């Protein structure tokens, strides 16, 4: 389980606000809530016949608030929001909803995100934004502290952590190039398998993602100057890559989750999957990289507009 404290600075945009709605993952249960430093009541019922909670926290306000007024909400939450795939790395399960927010998922970006993580010694942690020094009050004896701050409003975020993590930076780049770093665990063996024509499950081979991690860095780095020429400056100070065992990719601000099979060498992609796989993988990586512009610089109004982000990221990757 993860213990989390979330502080949210809110500005009201209309008059007569009597209640706050905070959206959160159903695997997170609220333990306490504060409004401008004062303990307040809240409601987040458990879902019957399950271990989950309601996706919304209701917080009655002590008075009506008008447009332009500000409050700070602080929440104390607990829950099993991390998934462990290989015994050494942990990732967020519900990447769309884990972060407490006063707006529903895929709403217009209107806030910056600061993430501070206290983790066991010799662990590495990763989140969107610039890596900053931790504040003295956040330091805990015997543990390591990581702090990240986004430089612009974000609509979605995630985080991950692991032990024994190796950071690869690929080939040497120009001094002015955006730093691109890949985070993998050299001690973790990933098994690639398939079903044969008779429906039997076969192990193709065991693979260490750290072997091809530098090549993935170079693949992403090659996209950036092309997209900068087409769409404008890269909006962040660095780019971090993290293999995703769940089989999907996600382009978070300054942080890409990339399907772990995409880390295979081109020779192995052809042998294990198909001749077309290397082309598909290149387009997949370019697509997720394009989300730094299409989805974050140019955002969307609601989940109904997701086609805009995905469509232009697809277009960019195919033209690239």
Protein backbone atom coordinates (compact mmCIF):
# COMPACT_ATOMS: atom_id res chain seq x y z
CA UNK A 1 0.00 0.00 0.00
CA UNK A 2 0.99 3.62 -0.57
CA UNK A 3 0.38 6.46 1.91
CA UNK A 4 -0.17 9.72 0.08
CA UNK A 5 -0.71 13.37 0.98
CA UNK A 6 -2.19 15.61 -1.70
CA UNK A 7 -2.38 19.40 -1.49
CA UNK A 8 -4.56 21.09 -4.12
CA UNK A 9 -4.75 24.86 -4.64
CA UNK A 10 -8.14 25.73 -6.10
CA UNK A 11 -9.54 28.95 -7.60
CA UNK A 12 -13.32 29.06 -8.01
CA UNK A 13 -14.56 30.06 -11.46
CA UNK A 14 -18.23 30.69 -10.62
CA UNK A 15 -20.23 32.18 -7.75
CA UNK A 16 -22.15 30.25 -5.11
CA UNK A 17 -19.88 27.22 -4.74
CA UNK A 18 -21.11 25.16 -1.75
CA UNK A 19 -19.37 21.83 -2.24
CA UNK A 20 -16.12 20.54 -3.70
CA UNK A 21 -15.83 17.43 -5.84
CA UNK A 22 -12.39 15.79 -5.89
CA UNK A 23 -11.92 13.00 -8.44
CA UNK A 24 -9.66 10.12 -7.44
CA UNK A 25 -8.93 6.47 -8.18
CA UNK A 26 -11.33 3.97 -6.56
CA UNK A 27 -8.34 2.11 -5.07
CA UNK A 28 -7.51 5.15 -2.92
CA UNK A 29 -9.41 5.69 0.32
CA UNK A 30 -9.47 9.12 1.99
CA UNK A 31 -8.34 9.09 5.62
CA UNK A 32 -8.61 12.80 6.46
CA UNK A 33 -9.24 16.17 4.79
CA UNK A 34 -8.31 19.78 5.58
CA UNK A 35 -9.58 23.06 4.13
CA UNK A 36 -7.11 25.94 4.55
CA UNK A 37 -5.53 24.08 7.47
CA UNK A 38 -8.80 23.22 9.25
CA UNK A 39 -10.12 19.66 9.49
CA UNK A 40 -13.33 19.25 7.46
CA UNK A 41 -15.89 16.54 6.89
CA UNK A 42 -15.88 14.57 3.65
CA UNK A 43 -17.75 11.73 2.00
CA UNK A 44 -16.20 8.93 -0.07
CA UNK A 45 -18.32 5.80 0.41
CA UNK A 46 -17.01 2.31 -0.15
CA UNK A 47 -18.43 0.48 -3.14
CA UNK A 48 -20.65 -2.43 -1.99
CA UNK A 49 -19.29 -5.96 -2.48
CA UNK A 50 -15.81 -4.70 -3.42
CA UNK A 51 -12.63 -3.32 -1.89
CA UNK A 52 -12.94 -0.06 -3.81
CA UNK A 53 -14.18 3.43 -3.05
CA UNK A 54 -16.28 5.99 -4.90
CA UNK A 55 -14.37 7.87 -7.61
CA UNK A 56 -15.43 11.22 -6.14
CA UNK A 57 -14.74 12.76 -2.73
CA UNK A 58 -17.48 15.20 -1.63
CA UNK A 59 -16.33 18.02 0.66
CA UNK A 60 -19.05 20.40 1.99
CA UNK A 61 -17.75 23.96 2.23
CA UNK A 62 -18.32 26.07 5.39
CA UNK A 63 -19.78 28.92 3.30
CA UNK A 64 -20.53 29.89 -0.27
CA UNK A 65 -17.45 30.81 -2.30
CA UNK A 66 -17.51 33.18 -5.25
CA UNK A 67 -15.50 33.32 -8.46
CA UNK A 68 -11.90 34.39 -7.90
CA UNK A 69 -11.65 33.11 -4.31
CA UNK A 70 -8.94 30.58 -3.45
CA UNK A 71 -8.81 27.60 -1.07
CA UNK A 72 -6.30 24.86 -0.39
CA UNK A 73 -7.48 21.30 0.10
CA UNK A 74 -5.19 18.75 1.74
CA UNK A 75 -6.05 15.05 1.61
CA UNK A 76 -4.53 12.04 3.32
CA UNK A 77 -5.09 8.89 1.26
CA UNK A 78 -4.07 5.24 1.32
CA UNK A 79 -4.40 2.42 -1.17
CA UNK A 80 -2.80 -0.19 -3.40
CA UNK A 81 -2.19 2.03 -6.43
CA UNK A 82 1.13 0.43 -7.45
CA UNK A 83 1.58 -2.70 -9.54
CA UNK A 84 4.76 -4.78 -9.31
CA UNK A 85 5.60 -6.72 -12.48
CA UNK A 86 9.11 -8.04 -11.98
CA UNK A 87 9.89 -7.83 -8.26
CA UNK A 88 12.08 -4.75 -8.74
CA UNK A 89 9.95 -2.00 -10.32
CA UNK A 90 6.56 -0.58 -9.40
CA UNK A 91 4.17 1.47 -11.56
CA UNK A 92 0.80 3.16 -11.07
CA UNK A 93 -2.13 0.85 -11.87
CA UNK A 94 -4.76 3.48 -12.72
CA UNK A 95 -2.75 6.08 -14.63
CA UNK A 96 -5.83 8.12 -15.61
CA UNK A 97 -7.42 8.53 -12.17
CA UNK A 98 -4.86 8.00 -9.40
CA UNK A 99 -4.10 11.71 -8.92
CA UNK A 100 -6.67 13.63 -6.82
CA UNK A 101 -8.03 16.45 -8.98
CA UNK A 102 -10.92 18.96 -8.83
CA UNK A 103 -11.60 18.29 -12.51
CA UNK A 104 -12.52 14.97 -14.18
CA UNK A 105 -9.92 13.05 -16.23
CA UNK A 106 -9.14 14.64 -19.63
CA UNK A 107 -10.41 18.05 -18.50
CA UNK A 108 -8.57 21.19 -19.67
CA UNK A 109 -5.17 21.61 -18.01
CA UNK A 110 -5.23 24.27 -15.34
CA UNK A 111 -2.68 23.25 -12.75
CA UNK A 112 0.97 22.43 -12.28
CA UNK A 113 2.10 19.32 -10.44
CA UNK A 114 4.71 18.91 -7.73
CA UNK A 115 5.50 15.32 -6.73
CA UNK A 116 7.60 14.36 -3.70
CA UNK A 117 8.31 10.67 -3.06
CA UNK A 118 9.92 9.12 0.02
CA UNK A 119 11.22 5.68 -0.98
CA UNK A 120 13.49 2.98 0.50
CA UNK A 121 17.24 3.59 0.29
CA UNK A 122 18.86 2.83 -3.09
CA UNK A 123 15.54 3.09 -4.91
CA UNK A 124 15.10 5.34 -7.95
CA UNK A 125 11.84 7.27 -8.44
CA UNK A 126 10.48 8.96 -11.53
CA UNK A 127 7.65 11.43 -12.22
CA UNK A 128 6.85 14.14 -14.79
CA UNK A 129 8.69 17.43 -14.54
CA UNK A 130 12.09 18.71 -13.55
CA UNK A 131 14.04 16.82 -10.88
CA UNK A 132 14.62 19.19 -7.94
CA UNK A 133 16.31 18.94 -4.54
CA UNK A 134 13.99 17.87 -1.74
CA UNK A 135 13.06 20.27 1.03
CA UNK A 136 14.73 19.61 4.42
CA UNK A 137 11.35 18.86 6.02
CA UNK A 138 10.75 16.06 3.50
CA UNK A 139 13.95 14.19 4.29
CA UNK A 140 13.50 10.95 6.28
CA UNK A 141 16.43 9.13 7.89
CA UNK A 142 17.25 5.86 6.14
CA UNK A 143 15.15 6.71 3.08
CA UNK A 144 15.73 8.59 -0.18
CA UNK A 145 13.70 11.56 -1.35
CA UNK A 146 12.80 12.55 -4.93
CA UNK A 147 11.01 15.75 -5.93
CA UNK A 148 9.66 16.75 -9.36
CA UNK A 149 7.91 19.91 -10.55
CA UNK A 150 6.21 20.48 -13.91
CA UNK A 151 7.03 23.77 -15.58
CA UNK A 152 3.61 24.11 -17.22
CA UNK A 153 0.03 22.91 -16.58
CA UNK A 154 -0.56 19.20 -17.12
CA UNK A 155 -3.70 17.13 -17.70
CA UNK A 156 -2.33 13.71 -16.70
CA UNK A 157 0.65 12.24 -14.87
CA UNK A 158 2.06 9.03 -13.45
CA UNK A 159 5.06 7.87 -11.43
CA UNK A 160 7.23 4.82 -10.97
CA UNK A 161 10.00 3.53 -8.74
CA UNK A 162 12.44 0.67 -8.60
CA UNK A 163 15.61 -0.70 -7.07
CA UNK A 164 18.82 -1.35 -8.96
CA UNK A 165 17.71 0.96 -11.76
CA UNK A 166 20.17 1.85 -14.51
CA UNK A 167 19.87 5.14 -16.35
CA UNK A 168 20.98 5.18 -20.00
CA UNK A 169 21.51 8.35 -22.00
CA UNK A 170 22.32 6.80 -25.38
CA UNK A 171 24.92 8.31 -27.66
CA UNK A 172 26.52 11.64 -26.82
CA UNK A 173 24.31 14.51 -27.91
CA UNK A 174 24.93 18.19 -28.59
CA UNK A 175 25.09 20.41 -25.54
CA UNK A 176 21.84 22.08 -26.60
CA UNK A 177 19.96 18.80 -27.11
CA UNK A 178 17.18 17.81 -24.74
CA UNK A 179 18.43 15.17 -22.24
CA UNK A 180 16.72 11.82 -22.89
CA UNK A 181 17.12 9.09 -20.26
CA UNK A 182 15.87 5.50 -20.12
CA UNK A 183 15.26 3.75 -16.80
CA UNK A 184 15.61 -0.05 -16.76
CA UNK A 185 16.66 -2.76 -14.32
CA UNK A 186 19.73 -4.76 -15.47
CA UNK A 187 18.89 -7.57 -13.05
CA UNK A 188 15.42 -8.20 -14.46
CA UNK A 189 14.87 -10.79 -17.18
CA UNK A 190 11.78 -10.31 -19.33
CA UNK A 191 10.23 -13.36 -20.98
CA UNK A 192 8.79 -12.93 -24.47
CA UNK A 193 6.30 -15.61 -25.41
CA UNK A 194 3.67 -16.41 -28.03
CA UNK A 195 1.00 -18.95 -28.98
CA UNK A 196 1.80 -21.28 -31.88
CA UNK A 197 -0.68 -22.42 -34.55
CA UNK A 198 -1.83 -25.26 -32.32
CA UNK A 199 -2.60 -22.82 -29.52
CA UNK A 200 0.34 -23.90 -27.37
CA UNK A 201 2.07 -21.26 -25.27
CA UNK A 202 5.73 -21.00 -26.25
CA UNK A 203 8.62 -19.11 -24.65
CA UNK A 204 10.46 -17.22 -27.39
CA UNK A 205 13.37 -16.08 -25.25
CA UNK A 206 14.40 -14.33 -22.07
CA UNK A 207 15.66 -10.80 -22.56
CA UNK A 208 17.28 -7.98 -20.59
CA UNK A 209 15.83 -4.59 -21.57
CA UNK A 210 18.96 -2.77 -20.43
CA UNK A 211 20.81 -4.20 -23.46
CA UNK A 212 18.73 -2.17 -25.91
CA UNK A 213 17.89 0.75 -23.63
CA UNK A 214 20.49 3.08 -25.26
CA UNK A 215 19.00 2.31 -28.70
CA UNK A 216 15.55 3.34 -27.43
CA UNK A 217 17.01 6.61 -26.15
CA UNK A 218 18.46 7.33 -29.60
CA UNK A 219 15.15 6.46 -31.26
CA UNK A 220 13.24 9.00 -29.13
CA UNK A 221 15.98 11.61 -29.36
CA UNK A 222 15.85 11.46 -33.17
CA UNK A 223 12.15 12.43 -33.11
CA UNK A 224 12.58 15.59 -31.05
CA UNK A 225 14.36 17.95 -33.50
CA UNK A 226 11.97 16.93 -36.29
CA UNK A 227 8.90 17.63 -34.17
CA UNK A 228 10.43 20.87 -32.89
CA UNK A 229 10.80 22.05 -36.48
CA UNK A 230 7.19 21.11 -37.26
CA UNK A 231 5.37 21.98 -34.02
CA UNK A 232 7.59 24.34 -32.02
CA UNK A 233 10.05 24.00 -29.11
CA UNK A 234 9.96 20.90 -26.95
CA UNK A 235 7.98 22.09 -23.90
CA UNK A 236 10.03 20.43 -21.13
CA UNK A 237 13.63 20.32 -19.92
CA UNK A 238 14.13 16.56 -20.23
CA UNK A 239 12.55 13.32 -21.42
CA UNK A 240 12.40 10.11 -19.38
CA UNK A 241 11.57 6.62 -20.72
CA UNK A 242 10.20 3.71 -18.71
CA UNK A 243 9.33 0.22 -20.08
CA UNK A 244 5.70 -0.78 -19.54
CA UNK A 245 4.97 -4.52 -19.10
CA UNK A 246 1.21 -4.03 -19.53
CA UNK A 247 1.47 -3.87 -23.32
CA UNK A 248 0.48 -0.26 -23.96
CA UNK A 249 2.21 3.07 -24.36
CA UNK A 250 1.40 6.38 -22.68
CA UNK A 251 2.86 9.77 -23.49
CA UNK A 252 2.84 11.67 -20.19
CA UNK A 253 4.44 15.13 -19.92
CA UNK A 254 8.24 14.58 -20.16
CA UNK A 255 7.73 10.87 -19.32
CA UNK A 256 6.98 8.08 -21.79
CA UNK A 257 5.73 4.64 -20.78
CA UNK A 258 6.74 2.38 -23.67
CA UNK A 259 5.59 -1.18 -24.31
CA UNK A 260 8.50 -3.35 -23.21
CA UNK A 261 8.45 -5.41 -26.43
CA UNK A 262 9.40 -2.22 -28.28
CA UNK A 263 12.81 -2.48 -26.57
CA UNK A 264 13.64 -5.65 -28.50
CA UNK A 265 16.28 -5.34 -31.21
CA UNK A 266 14.94 -5.21 -34.77
CA UNK A 267 16.35 -8.68 -35.48
CA UNK A 268 14.48 -10.13 -32.51
CA UNK A 269 11.29 -8.24 -33.39
CA UNK A 270 11.29 -9.93 -36.80
CA UNK A 271 12.17 -13.38 -35.42
CA UNK A 272 9.71 -13.31 -32.52
CA UNK A 273 6.84 -11.33 -34.05
CA UNK A 274 6.79 -10.37 -37.73
CA UNK A 275 8.68 -8.58 -40.50
CA UNK A 276 6.39 -5.58 -40.09
CA UNK A 277 7.07 -5.21 -36.35
CA UNK A 278 10.15 -2.91 -36.61
CA UNK A 279 8.15 -0.45 -38.74
CA UNK A 280 5.24 -0.59 -36.29
CA UNK A 281 7.57 -0.09 -33.29
CA UNK A 282 9.18 2.98 -34.89
CA UNK A 283 5.72 4.46 -35.52
CA UNK A 284 4.62 3.56 -31.98
CA UNK A 285 7.60 5.34 -30.37
CA UNK A 286 7.15 8.38 -32.64
CA UNK A 287 3.44 8.46 -31.74
CA UNK A 288 4.05 8.53 -27.98
CA UNK A 289 6.76 11.17 -28.42
CA UNK A 290 4.35 13.32 -30.47
CA UNK A 291 1.99 13.47 -27.48
CA UNK A 292 4.40 15.96 -25.90
CA UNK A 293 2.86 18.43 -28.38
CA UNK A 294 -0.48 16.79 -29.26
CA UNK A 295 -2.15 16.24 -25.90
CA UNK A 296 -0.02 18.50 -23.70
CA UNK A 297 0.87 21.68 -25.59
CA UNK A 298 -2.40 21.41 -27.55
CA UNK A 299 -4.81 19.93 -25.04
CA UNK A 300 -8.41 18.72 -25.24
CA UNK A 301 -11.65 19.87 -23.63
CA UNK A 302 -13.04 16.48 -22.61
CA UNK A 303 -12.74 12.74 -23.22
CA UNK A 304 -14.95 13.22 -26.31
CA UNK A 305 -12.09 15.16 -27.90
CA UNK A 306 -9.48 12.44 -27.40
CA UNK A 307 -9.53 11.83 -31.17
CA UNK A 308 -7.78 15.21 -31.58
CA UNK A 309 -4.79 14.17 -29.48
CA UNK A 310 -4.57 10.63 -30.83
CA UNK A 311 -5.27 11.61 -34.44
CA UNK A 312 -2.57 14.24 -34.70
CA UNK A 313 -0.06 12.06 -32.80
CA UNK A 314 -0.76 9.31 -35.32
CA UNK A 315 -0.42 11.73 -38.22
CA UNK A 316 2.89 13.07 -36.87
CA UNK A 317 4.30 9.56 -36.40
CA UNK A 318 3.32 8.41 -39.89
CA UNK A 319 4.75 11.51 -41.58
CA UNK A 320 7.91 11.16 -39.46
